[in-house]
């Protein structure tokens, strides 16, 4: 049963990155989107995002709930070992939600522009922080046998920085695909072009992260399934290339599905490459935790499974309803949420 819950943990966090990822991708793209008064394209981008913003963050809450409930031994060491990256990511998440909500309160364009810049910063922090957290998990955490950490310097490596940039590039491409899908045809075409230009940038960032992973001693020491890791990187690159081709053919729905897959793949890659370990200790191999060791007791997991039966359909149903109600492109009649 612990395998089921480990899979659910990965599924919910990957779902959060996919849904929250286009929030942050749209936020990052505001940096290159001009503000032009009443025809404000930034306003249009946030209108396209509006109905989904808060609902997307529910997946993060659900993933944290699974971590605390189903893996009580893992959450303490995981949060302690990766807390600088997680703190940066959460600061970015909170900043984006607050800034999007406050952006339209002032009437002046100058004040709104300041809020737009805050949204950009928060989006970069969120995307980069989650990328750094995944990289830190892949390269292992220096946990000693007594449960204490040997500092936090393990997060300040070229590989972690490259992974943070790579995930930021991925979510930016994902945001461009989302806007190409949701904006009116003229504005959508602009984001199709942006997305196509982002494809080589994203591939370069992924390639740099992959090379630095191969050169990193901690990564080579921690990864238990290197063949799976290599296959995951190849699949990720192929998915990004396919998304670029779909954008070139104006198949925005297919492109969005492919960028969503690409954003989810790093979570699956980390989980599969470290299997059967949920957390690898680089300081003391005896302190590493397998999935079975990190999981709660069998009776606890059984109770959690019964609680999940009504909650999972409700969560999925809410998401499907939101996408169905707000399907299609926005126009001048679209409600403004923020």
C-alpha atoms as a PDB file:
ATOM      1  CA  UNK A   1       0.000   0.000   0.000  1.00  0.00           C
ATOM      2  CA  UNK A   2       2.961   2.317   0.533  1.00  0.00           C
ATOM      3  CA  UNK A   3       3.692   2.073  -3.213  1.00  0.00           C
ATOM      4  CA  UNK A   4       0.171   3.291  -3.962  1.00  0.00           C
ATOM      5  CA  UNK A   5       0.590   6.283  -1.677  1.00  0.00           C
ATOM      6  CA  UNK A   6       4.074   7.070  -2.978  1.00  0.00           C
ATOM      7  CA  UNK A   7       2.591   7.089  -6.476  1.00  0.00           C
ATOM      8  CA  UNK A   8      -0.210   9.364  -5.296  1.00  0.00           C
ATOM      9  CA  UNK A   9       2.304  11.733  -3.719  1.00  0.00           C
ATOM     10  CA  UNK A  10       4.151  11.984  -7.025  1.00  0.00           C
ATOM     11  CA  UNK A  11       0.897  12.302  -8.961  1.00  0.00           C
ATOM     12  CA  UNK A  12      -0.425  15.160  -6.828  1.00  0.00           C
ATOM     13  CA  UNK A  13       2.861  17.074  -6.846  1.00  0.00           C
ATOM     14  CA  UNK A  14       3.231  16.573 -10.599  1.00  0.00           C
ATOM     15  CA  UNK A  15      -0.377  17.727 -11.010  1.00  0.00           C
ATOM     16  CA  UNK A  16       0.426  20.822  -8.976  1.00  0.00           C
ATOM     17  CA  UNK A  17       3.450  21.627 -11.125  1.00  0.00           C
ATOM     18  CA  UNK A  18       1.399  21.190 -14.294  1.00  0.00           C
ATOM     19  CA  UNK A  19      -1.473  23.399 -13.116  1.00  0.00           C
ATOM     20  CA  UNK A  20       0.489  25.851 -11.001  1.00  0.00           C
ATOM     21  CA  UNK A  21       3.221  25.780 -13.630  1.00  0.00           C
ATOM     22  CA  UNK A  22       1.236  27.680 -16.215  1.00  0.00           C
ATOM     23  CA  UNK A  23       0.356  30.223 -13.485  1.00  0.00           C
ATOM     24  CA  UNK A  24       4.055  30.890 -13.010  1.00  0.00           C
ATOM     25  CA  UNK A  25       4.773  30.665 -16.729  1.00  0.00           C
ATOM     26  CA  UNK A  26       2.197  33.358 -17.450  1.00  0.00           C
ATOM     27  CA  UNK A  27       3.671  35.402 -14.597  1.00  0.00           C
ATOM     28  CA  UNK A  28       7.186  35.177 -16.025  1.00  0.00           C
ATOM     29  CA  UNK A  29       5.918  36.124 -19.483  1.00  0.00           C
ATOM     30  CA  UNK A  30       4.515  39.379 -18.087  1.00  0.00           C
ATOM     31  CA  UNK A  31       8.130  40.587 -18.072  1.00  0.00           C
ATOM     32  CA  UNK A  32       8.113  40.759 -21.885  1.00  0.00           C
ATOM     33  CA  UNK A  33       4.455  41.714 -22.322  1.00  0.00           C
ATOM     34  CA  UNK A  34       3.929  45.478 -22.853  1.00  0.00           C
ATOM     35  CA  UNK A  35       1.230  47.366 -20.966  1.00  0.00           C
ATOM     36  CA  UNK A  36      -0.781  49.546 -23.347  1.00  0.00           C
ATOM     37  CA  UNK A  37      -3.568  51.240 -21.427  1.00  0.00           C
ATOM     38  CA  UNK A  38      -7.092  50.083 -22.120  1.00  0.00           C
ATOM     39  CA  UNK A  39      -5.875  47.321 -24.460  1.00  0.00           C
ATOM     40  CA  UNK A  40      -3.546  45.965 -21.782  1.00  0.00           C
ATOM     41  CA  UNK A  41      -2.246  42.550 -22.927  1.00  0.00           C
ATOM     42  CA  UNK A  42      -1.121  41.860 -19.359  1.00  0.00           C
ATOM     43  CA  UNK A  43      -4.724  42.266 -18.278  1.00  0.00           C
ATOM     44  CA  UNK A  44      -5.750  39.796 -21.000  1.00  0.00           C
ATOM     45  CA  UNK A  45      -3.149  37.247 -19.814  1.00  0.00           C
ATOM     46  CA  UNK A  46      -4.404  37.459 -16.219  1.00  0.00           C
ATOM     47  CA  UNK A  47      -8.011  37.239 -17.411  1.00  0.00           C
ATOM     48  CA  UNK A  48      -7.152  34.007 -19.230  1.00  0.00           C
ATOM     49  CA  UNK A  49      -5.562  32.715 -16.037  1.00  0.00           C
ATOM     50  CA  UNK A  50      -8.179  34.044 -13.619  1.00  0.00           C
ATOM     51  CA  UNK A  51     -10.667  31.162 -13.224  1.00  0.00           C
ATOM     52  CA  UNK A  52      -7.928  28.613 -12.551  1.00  0.00           C
ATOM     53  CA  UNK A  53      -5.435  30.395 -10.290  1.00  0.00           C
ATOM     54  CA  UNK A  54      -6.602  29.434  -6.802  1.00  0.00           C
ATOM     55  CA  UNK A  55      -7.915  26.026  -7.816  1.00  0.00           C
ATOM     56  CA  UNK A  56      -4.492  25.085  -9.161  1.00  0.00           C
ATOM     57  CA  UNK A  57      -2.881  25.602  -5.749  1.00  0.00           C
ATOM     58  CA  UNK A  58      -5.221  23.013  -4.175  1.00  0.00           C
ATOM     59  CA  UNK A  59      -3.025  20.285  -5.621  1.00  0.00           C
ATOM     60  CA  UNK A  60      -0.073  21.544  -3.593  1.00  0.00           C
ATOM     61  CA  UNK A  61      -2.162  21.440  -0.406  1.00  0.00           C
ATOM     62  CA  UNK A  62      -3.213  17.890  -1.253  1.00  0.00           C
ATOM     63  CA  UNK A  63       0.387  16.811  -1.922  1.00  0.00           C
ATOM     64  CA  UNK A  64       1.537  18.272   1.410  1.00  0.00           C
ATOM     65  CA  UNK A  65      -1.340  16.489   3.144  1.00  0.00           C
ATOM     66  CA  UNK A  66      -0.236  13.162   1.669  1.00  0.00           C
ATOM     67  CA  UNK A  67       3.371  13.835   2.686  1.00  0.00           C
ATOM     68  CA  UNK A  68       2.454  14.566   6.305  1.00  0.00           C
ATOM     69  CA  UNK A  69      -0.154  11.811   6.624  1.00  0.00           C
ATOM     70  CA  UNK A  70       1.304   8.925   4.640  1.00  0.00           C
ATOM     71  CA  UNK A  71       5.061   9.581   5.024  1.00  0.00           C
ATOM     72  CA  UNK A  72       5.648  11.060   8.502  1.00  0.00           C
ATOM     73  CA  UNK A  73       9.292   9.941   8.640  1.00  0.00           C
ATOM     74  CA  UNK A  74      10.023  11.444   5.239  1.00  0.00           C
ATOM     75  CA  UNK A  75       8.456  14.866   5.739  1.00  0.00           C
ATOM     76  CA  UNK A  76      10.717  15.876   8.626  1.00  0.00           C
ATOM     77  CA  UNK A  77      13.988  15.030   6.886  1.00  0.00           C
ATOM     78  CA  UNK A  78      12.758  16.185   3.501  1.00  0.00           C
ATOM     79  CA  UNK A  79      11.620  19.600   4.714  1.00  0.00           C
ATOM     80  CA  UNK A  80      14.737  20.027   6.839  1.00  0.00           C
ATOM     81  CA  UNK A  81      17.131  18.988   4.074  1.00  0.00           C
ATOM     82  CA  UNK A  82      15.493  21.074   1.371  1.00  0.00           C
ATOM     83  CA  UNK A  83      14.060  23.936   3.414  1.00  0.00           C
ATOM     84  CA  UNK A  84      15.956  26.815   1.684  1.00  0.00           C
ATOM     85  CA  UNK A  85      14.586  25.736  -1.706  1.00  0.00           C
ATOM     86  CA  UNK A  86      11.108  25.005  -0.367  1.00  0.00           C
ATOM     87  CA  UNK A  87      11.025  28.317   1.515  1.00  0.00           C
ATOM     88  CA  UNK A  88      11.936  30.199  -1.673  1.00  0.00           C
ATOM     89  CA  UNK A  89       9.277  28.305  -3.635  1.00  0.00           C
ATOM     90  CA  UNK A  90       6.544  28.952  -1.067  1.00  0.00           C
ATOM     91  CA  UNK A  91       7.514  32.625  -0.841  1.00  0.00           C
ATOM     92  CA  UNK A  92       7.091  32.801  -4.608  1.00  0.00           C
ATOM     93  CA  UNK A  93       3.715  31.036  -4.503  1.00  0.00           C
ATOM     94  CA  UNK A  94       2.376  33.423  -1.851  1.00  0.00           C
ATOM     95  CA  UNK A  95       3.782  36.442  -3.685  1.00  0.00           C
ATOM     96  CA  UNK A  96       2.113  35.472  -6.968  1.00  0.00           C
ATOM     97  CA  UNK A  97      -1.297  34.857  -5.396  1.00  0.00           C
ATOM     98  CA  UNK A  98      -1.200  38.117  -3.427  1.00  0.00           C
ATOM     99  CA  UNK A  99       0.163  40.242  -6.278  1.00  0.00           C
ATOM    100  CA  UNK A 100      -2.321  38.928  -8.854  1.00  0.00           C
ATOM    101  CA  UNK A 101      -5.160  39.704  -6.448  1.00  0.00           C
ATOM    102  CA  UNK A 102      -3.888  43.206  -5.738  1.00  0.00           C
ATOM    103  CA  UNK A 103      -2.717  44.120  -9.224  1.00  0.00           C
ATOM    104  CA  UNK A 104      -5.973  45.705 -10.407  1.00  0.00           C
ATOM    105  CA  UNK A 105      -6.810  47.561  -7.186  1.00  0.00           C
ATOM    106  CA  UNK A 106      -4.950  50.776  -8.119  1.00  0.00           C
ATOM    107  CA  UNK A 107      -6.274  52.722 -11.116  1.00  0.00           C
ATOM    108  CA  UNK A 108      -2.918  54.089 -12.258  1.00  0.00           C
ATOM    109  CA  UNK A 109      -0.842  52.224 -14.832  1.00  0.00           C
ATOM    110  CA  UNK A 110       2.400  52.918 -12.964  1.00  0.00           C
ATOM    111  CA  UNK A 111       1.158  51.180  -9.806  1.00  0.00           C
ATOM    112  CA  UNK A 112      -0.134  48.246 -11.823  1.00  0.00           C
ATOM    113  CA  UNK A 113       3.232  47.933 -13.521  1.00  0.00           C
ATOM    114  CA  UNK A 114       4.895  47.653 -10.104  1.00  0.00           C
ATOM    115  CA  UNK A 115       2.520  44.806  -9.195  1.00  0.00           C
ATOM    116  CA  UNK A 116       3.283  43.152 -12.543  1.00  0.00           C
ATOM    117  CA  UNK A 117       6.975  43.176 -11.659  1.00  0.00           C
ATOM    118  CA  UNK A 118       6.185  41.599  -8.308  1.00  0.00           C
ATOM    119  CA  UNK A 119       4.237  38.856 -10.104  1.00  0.00           C
ATOM    120  CA  UNK A 120       7.269  38.209 -12.320  1.00  0.00           C
ATOM    121  CA  UNK A 121       9.602  37.970  -9.325  1.00  0.00           C
ATOM    122  CA  UNK A 122       7.232  35.693  -7.434  1.00  0.00           C
ATOM    123  CA  UNK A 123       6.827  33.429 -10.462  1.00  0.00           C
ATOM    124  CA  UNK A 124      10.596  33.108 -10.891  1.00  0.00           C
ATOM    125  CA  UNK A 125      11.001  32.287  -7.197  1.00  0.00           C
ATOM    126  CA  UNK A 126       8.251  29.655  -7.287  1.00  0.00           C
ATOM    127  CA  UNK A 127       9.493  27.909 -10.434  1.00  0.00           C
ATOM    128  CA  UNK A 128      13.157  28.110  -9.479  1.00  0.00           C
ATOM    129  CA  UNK A 129      12.506  27.027  -5.893  1.00  0.00           C
ATOM    130  CA  UNK A 130      10.622  23.875  -6.922  1.00  0.00           C
ATOM    131  CA  UNK A 131      13.308  23.085  -9.492  1.00  0.00           C
ATOM    132  CA  UNK A 132      15.993  23.403  -6.813  1.00  0.00           C
ATOM    133  CA  UNK A 133      13.987  21.193  -4.437  1.00  0.00           C
ATOM    134  CA  UNK A 134      13.664  18.431  -7.043  1.00  0.00           C
ATOM    135  CA  UNK A 135      17.373  18.670  -7.851  1.00  0.00           C
ATOM    136  CA  UNK A 136      18.256  18.517  -4.148  1.00  0.00           C
ATOM    137  CA  UNK A 137      16.139  15.399  -3.767  1.00  0.00           C
ATOM    138  CA  UNK A 138      17.813  13.775  -6.783  1.00  0.00           C
ATOM    139  CA  UNK A 139      21.355  14.432  -5.553  1.00  0.00           C
ATOM    140  CA  UNK A 140      20.595  13.342  -1.967  1.00  0.00           C
ATOM    141  CA  UNK A 141      20.455  15.024   1.423  1.00  0.00           C
ATOM    142  CA  UNK A 142      23.322  14.870   3.983  1.00  0.00           C
ATOM    143  CA  UNK A 143      21.337  13.284   6.821  1.00  0.00           C
ATOM    144  CA  UNK A 144      23.324  11.623   9.603  1.00  0.00           C
ATOM    145  CA  UNK A 145      22.238   8.520  11.491  1.00  0.00           C
ATOM    146  CA  UNK A 146      21.011  10.697  14.380  1.00  0.00           C
ATOM    147  CA  UNK A 147      18.637  12.512  12.014  1.00  0.00           C
ATOM    148  CA  UNK A 148      20.590  15.796  11.928  1.00  0.00           C
ATOM    149  CA  UNK A 149      21.858  17.497   8.785  1.00  0.00           C
ATOM    150  CA  UNK A 150      25.415  18.311   7.806  1.00  0.00           C
ATOM    151  CA  UNK A 151      24.543  21.891   6.840  1.00  0.00           C
ATOM    152  CA  UNK A 152      22.672  23.169   3.787  1.00  0.00           C
ATOM    153  CA  UNK A 153      25.605  23.658   1.428  1.00  0.00           C
ATOM    154  CA  UNK A 154      24.451  20.692  -0.644  1.00  0.00           C
ATOM    155  CA  UNK A 155      21.840  22.922  -2.272  1.00  0.00           C
ATOM    156  CA  UNK A 156      24.367  25.471  -3.512  1.00  0.00           C
ATOM    157  CA  UNK A 157      25.769  23.525  -6.449  1.00  0.00           C
ATOM    158  CA  UNK A 158      25.901  24.160 -10.207  1.00  0.00           C
ATOM    159  CA  UNK A 159      23.514  21.251 -10.810  1.00  0.00           C
ATOM    160  CA  UNK A 160      20.853  22.624  -8.459  1.00  0.00           C
ATOM    161  CA  UNK A 161      21.137  26.071 -10.061  1.00  0.00           C
ATOM    162  CA  UNK A 162      20.876  24.561 -13.551  1.00  0.00           C
ATOM    163  CA  UNK A 163      17.843  22.489 -12.546  1.00  0.00           C
ATOM    164  CA  UNK A 164      16.151  25.604 -11.147  1.00  0.00           C
ATOM    165  CA  UNK A 165      16.722  27.399 -14.460  1.00  0.00           C
ATOM    166  CA  UNK A 166      15.550  24.373 -16.441  1.00  0.00           C
ATOM    167  CA  UNK A 167      12.235  24.128 -14.584  1.00  0.00           C
ATOM    168  CA  UNK A 168      11.771  27.887 -14.929  1.00  0.00           C
ATOM    169  CA  UNK A 169      12.259  27.549 -18.690  1.00  0.00           C
ATOM    170  CA  UNK A 170       9.821  24.620 -18.801  1.00  0.00           C
ATOM    171  CA  UNK A 171       7.030  26.464 -16.998  1.00  0.00           C
ATOM    172  CA  UNK A 172       7.591  29.561 -19.154  1.00  0.00           C
ATOM    173  CA  UNK A 173       7.119  27.427 -22.274  1.00  0.00           C
ATOM    174  CA  UNK A 174       4.054  25.889 -20.598  1.00  0.00           C
ATOM    175  CA  UNK A 175       2.682  29.373 -19.900  1.00  0.00           C
ATOM    176  CA  UNK A 176       3.175  30.378 -23.539  1.00  0.00           C
ATOM    177  CA  UNK A 177       1.275  27.267 -24.677  1.00  0.00           C
ATOM    178  CA  UNK A 178      -1.528  28.078 -22.220  1.00  0.00           C
ATOM    179  CA  UNK A 179      -1.873  31.645 -23.529  1.00  0.00           C
ATOM    180  CA  UNK A 180      -1.749  30.401 -27.120  1.00  0.00           C
ATOM    181  CA  UNK A 181      -4.685  28.154 -26.206  1.00  0.00           C
ATOM    182  CA  UNK A 182      -6.734  30.725 -24.281  1.00  0.00           C
ATOM    183  CA  UNK A 183      -6.183  34.157 -25.846  1.00  0.00           C
ATOM    184  CA  UNK A 184      -8.007  35.513 -28.926  1.00  0.00           C
ATOM    185  CA  UNK A 185      -6.411  34.545 -32.270  1.00  0.00           C
ATOM    186  CA  UNK A 186      -4.249  37.647 -32.766  1.00  0.00           C
ATOM    187  CA  UNK A 187      -2.729  37.594 -29.283  1.00  0.00           C
ATOM    188  CA  UNK A 188      -2.536  33.802 -29.367  1.00  0.00           C
ATOM    189  CA  UNK A 189      -0.363  33.920 -32.489  1.00  0.00           C
ATOM    190  CA  UNK A 190       2.122  36.124 -30.651  1.00  0.00           C
ATOM    191  CA  UNK A 191       2.445  33.528 -27.893  1.00  0.00           C
ATOM    192  CA  UNK A 192       2.778  30.738 -30.450  1.00  0.00           C
ATOM    193  CA  UNK A 193       5.829  32.614 -31.738  1.00  0.00           C
ATOM    194  CA  UNK A 194       7.108  33.131 -28.191  1.00  0.00           C
ATOM    195  CA  UNK A 195       6.664  29.444 -27.423  1.00  0.00           C
ATOM    196  CA  UNK A 196       8.573  28.395 -30.533  1.00  0.00           C
ATOM    197  CA  UNK A 197      11.452  30.696 -29.573  1.00  0.00           C
ATOM    198  CA  UNK A 198      11.455  29.238 -26.071  1.00  0.00           C
ATOM    199  CA  UNK A 199      11.888  25.643 -27.279  1.00  0.00           C
ATOM    200  CA  UNK A 200      15.656  25.871 -28.028  1.00  0.00           C
ATOM    201  CA  UNK A 201      16.177  27.872 -24.819  1.00  0.00           C
ATOM    202  CA  UNK A 202      14.399  25.186 -22.817  1.00  0.00           C
ATOM    203  CA  UNK A 203      16.356  22.401 -24.514  1.00  0.00           C
ATOM    204  CA  UNK A 204      19.624  24.194 -23.784  1.00  0.00           C
ATOM    205  CA  UNK A 205      18.662  24.588 -20.104  1.00  0.00           C
ATOM    206  CA  UNK A 206      17.679  20.920 -19.874  1.00  0.00           C
ATOM    207  CA  UNK A 207      20.895  19.881 -21.581  1.00  0.00           C
ATOM    208  CA  UNK A 208      22.991  21.945 -19.170  1.00  0.00           C
ATOM    209  CA  UNK A 209      21.202  20.435 -16.178  1.00  0.00           C
ATOM    210  CA  UNK A 210      21.674  16.901 -17.582  1.00  0.00           C
ATOM    211  CA  UNK A 211      25.398  17.427 -18.208  1.00  0.00           C
ATOM    212  CA  UNK A 212      25.961  18.884 -14.747  1.00  0.00           C
ATOM    213  CA  UNK A 213      24.010  15.977 -13.234  1.00  0.00           C
ATOM    214  CA  UNK A 214      26.344  13.539 -14.973  1.00  0.00           C
ATOM    215  CA  UNK A 215      29.379  15.443 -13.705  1.00  0.00           C
ATOM    216  CA  UNK A 216      28.058  15.678 -10.143  1.00  0.00           C
ATOM    217  CA  UNK A 217      29.476  13.181  -7.674  1.00  0.00           C
ATOM    218  CA  UNK A 218      26.503  13.387  -5.287  1.00  0.00           C
ATOM    219  CA  UNK A 219      24.062  12.737  -8.136  1.00  0.00           C
ATOM    220  CA  UNK A 220      25.994   9.707  -9.360  1.00  0.00           C
ATOM    221  CA  UNK A 221      26.194   8.436  -5.782  1.00  0.00           C
ATOM    222  CA  UNK A 222      22.502   8.969  -5.010  1.00  0.00           C
ATOM    223  CA  UNK A 223      20.759   7.826  -8.184  1.00  0.00           C
ATOM    224  CA  UNK A 224      19.833   4.157  -7.927  1.00  0.00           C
ATOM    225  CA  UNK A 225      18.394   3.729 -11.426  1.00  0.00           C
ATOM    226  CA  UNK A 226      20.720   5.670 -13.769  1.00  0.00           C
ATOM    227  CA  UNK A 227      19.255   4.113 -16.917  1.00  0.00           C
ATOM    228  CA  UNK A 228      15.813   5.376 -15.913  1.00  0.00           C
ATOM    229  CA  UNK A 229      17.273   8.835 -15.341  1.00  0.00           C
ATOM    230  CA  UNK A 230      18.863   8.944 -18.800  1.00  0.00           C
ATOM    231  CA  UNK A 231      15.667   7.682 -20.415  1.00  0.00           C
ATOM    232  CA  UNK A 232      13.673  10.312 -18.548  1.00  0.00           C
ATOM    233  CA  UNK A 233      15.905  13.132 -19.820  1.00  0.00           C
ATOM    234  CA  UNK A 234      15.629  11.858 -23.412  1.00  0.00           C
ATOM    235  CA  UNK A 235      11.839  11.588 -23.111  1.00  0.00           C
ATOM    236  CA  UNK A 236      11.671  15.092 -21.642  1.00  0.00           C
ATOM    237  CA  UNK A 237      13.688  16.572 -24.509  1.00  0.00           C
ATOM    238  CA  UNK A 238      11.572  14.714 -27.074  1.00  0.00           C
ATOM    239  CA  UNK A 239       8.375  16.042 -25.464  1.00  0.00           C
ATOM    240  CA  UNK A 240       9.643  19.631 -25.618  1.00  0.00           C
ATOM    241  CA  UNK A 241      10.574  19.195 -29.294  1.00  0.00           C
ATOM    242  CA  UNK A 242       7.151  17.752 -30.042  1.00  0.00           C
ATOM    243  CA  UNK A 243       5.509  20.709 -28.296  1.00  0.00           C
ATOM    244  CA  UNK A 244       7.500  23.079 -30.496  1.00  0.00           C
ATOM    245  CA  UNK A 245       6.329  21.258 -33.635  1.00  0.00           C
ATOM    246  CA  UNK A 246       2.722  21.367 -32.435  1.00  0.00           C
ATOM    247  CA  UNK A 247       2.999  25.112 -31.880  1.00  0.00           C
ATOM    248  CA  UNK A 248       4.437  25.508 -35.360  1.00  0.00           C
ATOM    249  CA  UNK A 249       1.356  23.764 -36.772  1.00  0.00           C
ATOM    250  CA  UNK A 250      -0.961  25.934 -34.620  1.00  0.00           C
ATOM    251  CA  UNK A 251      -2.189  22.836 -32.765  1.00  0.00           C
ATOM    252  CA  UNK A 252      -2.323  24.684 -29.478  1.00  0.00           C
ATOM    253  CA  UNK A 253      -4.318  22.051 -27.596  1.00  0.00           C
ATOM    254  CA  UNK A 254      -1.769  19.368 -28.457  1.00  0.00           C
ATOM    255  CA  UNK A 255       1.090  21.739 -27.590  1.00  0.00           C
ATOM    256  CA  UNK A 256      -0.437  22.496 -24.204  1.00  0.00           C
ATOM    257  CA  UNK A 257      -0.867  18.772 -23.464  1.00  0.00           C
ATOM    258  CA  UNK A 258       2.778  18.170 -24.402  1.00  0.00           C
ATOM    259  CA  UNK A 259       4.135  21.027 -22.277  1.00  0.00           C
ATOM    260  CA  UNK A 260       1.989  19.753 -19.387  1.00  0.00           C
ATOM    261  CA  UNK A 261       3.614  16.342 -19.819  1.00  0.00           C
ATOM    262  CA  UNK A 262       7.059  17.930 -19.921  1.00  0.00           C
ATOM    263  CA  UNK A 263       6.462  19.820 -16.652  1.00  0.00           C
ATOM    264  CA  UNK A 264       5.239  16.633 -14.933  1.00  0.00           C
ATOM    265  CA  UNK A 265       8.136  14.469 -16.119  1.00  0.00           C
ATOM    266  CA  UNK A 266      10.830  15.835 -13.713  1.00  0.00           C
ATOM    267  CA  UNK A 267       8.784  14.654 -10.724  1.00  0.00           C
ATOM    268  CA  UNK A 268       8.396  11.193 -12.219  1.00  0.00           C
ATOM    269  CA  UNK A 269      12.079  11.164 -13.208  1.00  0.00           C
ATOM    270  CA  UNK A 270      13.264  11.925  -9.663  1.00  0.00           C
ATOM    271  CA  UNK A 271      10.957   9.348  -8.081  1.00  0.00           C
ATOM    272  CA  UNK A 272      11.880   6.608 -10.550  1.00  0.00           C
ATOM    273  CA  UNK A 273      15.625   7.346 -10.569  1.00  0.00           C
ATOM    274  CA  UNK A 274      15.869   7.131  -6.755  1.00  0.00           C
ATOM    275  CA  UNK A 275      13.654   4.040  -6.432  1.00  0.00           C
ATOM    276  CA  UNK A 276      13.344   2.170  -4.055  1.00  0.00           C
ATOM    277  CA  UNK A 277      14.557   5.070  -1.905  1.00  0.00           C
ATOM    278  CA  UNK A 278      12.373   8.028  -1.038  1.00  0.00           C
ATOM    279  CA  UNK A 279      15.348   9.906   0.434  1.00  0.00           C
ATOM    280  CA  UNK A 280      19.032   9.123  -0.093  1.00  0.00           C
ATOM    281  CA  UNK A 281      21.529  10.263   2.533  1.00  0.00           C
ATOM    282  CA  UNK A 282      24.915  11.373   1.207  1.00  0.00           C
ATOM    283  CA  UNK A 283      26.367  11.620   4.721  1.00  0.00           C
ATOM    284  CA  UNK A 284      25.490   8.129   6.017  1.00  0.00           C
ATOM    285  CA  UNK A 285      23.972   5.436   3.778  1.00  0.00           C
ATOM    286  CA  UNK A 286      22.325   3.896   6.838  1.00  0.00           C
ATOM    287  CA  UNK A 287      20.239   7.061   7.251  1.00  0.00           C
ATOM    288  CA  UNK A 288      18.670   6.694   3.781  1.00  0.00           C
ATOM    289  CA  UNK A 289      14.947   5.953   3.750  1.00  0.00           C
ATOM    290  CA  UNK A 290      13.278   3.495   1.423  1.00  0.00           C
ATOM    291  CA  UNK A 291       9.671   4.105   0.468  1.00  0.00           C
ATOM    292  CA  UNK A 292       8.562   1.298   2.808  1.00  0.00           C
ATOM    293  CA  UNK A 293      10.576   2.708   5.731  1.00  0.00           C
ATOM    294  CA  UNK A 294       9.293   6.248   5.203  1.00  0.00           C
ATOM    295  CA  UNK A 295       5.629   5.259   5.014  1.00  0.00           C
ATOM    296  CA  UNK A 296       3.173   5.284   7.880  1.00  0.00           C
ATOM    297  CA  UNK A 297       1.902   2.040   9.361  1.00  0.00           C
ATOM    298  CA  UNK A 298      -0.398  -0.225   7.383  1.00  0.00           C
ATOM    299  CA  UNK A 299      -3.518   0.628   9.469  1.00  0.00           C
ATOM    300  CA  UNK A 300      -2.855   4.349   9.002  1.00  0.00           C
ATOM    301  CA  UNK A 301      -2.503   3.971   5.249  1.00  0.00           C
ATOM    302  CA  UNK A 302      -5.699   1.927   5.163  1.00  0.00           C
ATOM    303  CA  UNK A 303      -7.631   4.678   6.961  1.00  0.00           C
ATOM    304  CA  UNK A 304      -6.159   7.303   4.633  1.00  0.00           C
ATOM    305  CA  UNK A 305      -7.223   5.232   1.637  1.00  0.00           C
ATOM    306  CA  UNK A 306     -10.830   5.244   2.817  1.00  0.00           C
ATOM    307  CA  UNK A 307     -10.625   9.030   3.282  1.00  0.00           C
ATOM    308  CA  UNK A 308      -9.262   9.392  -0.238  1.00  0.00           C
ATOM    309  CA  UNK A 309     -12.204   7.568  -1.829  1.00  0.00           C
ATOM    310  CA  UNK A 310     -14.600  10.561  -1.625  1.00  0.00           C
ATOM    311  CA  UNK A 311     -11.943  13.306  -1.772  1.00  0.00           C
ATOM    312  CA  UNK A 312     -10.139  12.345  -4.969  1.00  0.00           C
ATOM    313  CA  UNK A 313     -13.260  12.311  -7.194  1.00  0.00           C
ATOM    314  CA  UNK A 314     -14.308  15.657  -5.693  1.00  0.00           C
ATOM    315  CA  UNK A 315     -10.938  17.227  -6.508  1.00  0.00           C
ATOM    316  CA  UNK A 316     -10.820  15.810 -10.018  1.00  0.00           C
ATOM    317  CA  UNK A 317     -14.456  16.744 -10.593  1.00  0.00           C
ATOM    318  CA  UNK A 318     -13.819  20.340  -9.558  1.00  0.00           C
ATOM    319  CA  UNK A 319     -10.878  20.631 -11.947  1.00  0.00           C
ATOM    320  CA  UNK A 320     -12.782  19.079 -14.849  1.00  0.00           C
ATOM    321  CA  UNK A 321     -15.774  21.317 -14.190  1.00  0.00           C
ATOM    322  CA  UNK A 322     -13.564  24.422 -14.166  1.00  0.00           C
ATOM    323  CA  UNK A 323     -11.921  23.521 -17.454  1.00  0.00           C
ATOM    324  CA  UNK A 324     -15.274  22.662 -19.035  1.00  0.00           C
ATOM    325  CA  UNK A 325     -17.008  25.851 -17.903  1.00  0.00           C
ATOM    326  CA  UNK A 326     -14.130  28.086 -18.973  1.00  0.00           C
ATOM    327  CA  UNK A 327     -13.129  26.141 -22.083  1.00  0.00           C
ATOM    328  CA  UNK A 328     -12.253  28.001 -25.246  1.00  0.00           C
ATOM    329  CA  UNK A 329     -10.691  31.369 -25.851  1.00  0.00           C
ATOM    330  CA  UNK A 330     -11.482  34.507 -23.900  1.00  0.00           C
ATOM    331  CA  UNK A 331     -13.053  37.571 -25.496  1.00  0.00           C
ATOM    332  CA  UNK A 332     -14.245  40.997 -24.389  1.00  0.00           C
ATOM    333  CA  UNK A 333     -17.122  39.360 -22.478  1.00  0.00           C
ATOM    334  CA  UNK A 334     -14.828  37.196 -20.334  1.00  0.00           C
ATOM    335  CA  UNK A 335     -15.178  37.938 -16.600  1.00  0.00           C
ATOM    336  CA  UNK A 336     -12.226  39.632 -14.917  1.00  0.00           C
ATOM    337  CA  UNK A 337     -11.330  37.895 -11.674  1.00  0.00           C
ATOM    338  CA  UNK A 338      -8.251  39.842 -10.572  1.00  0.00           C
END
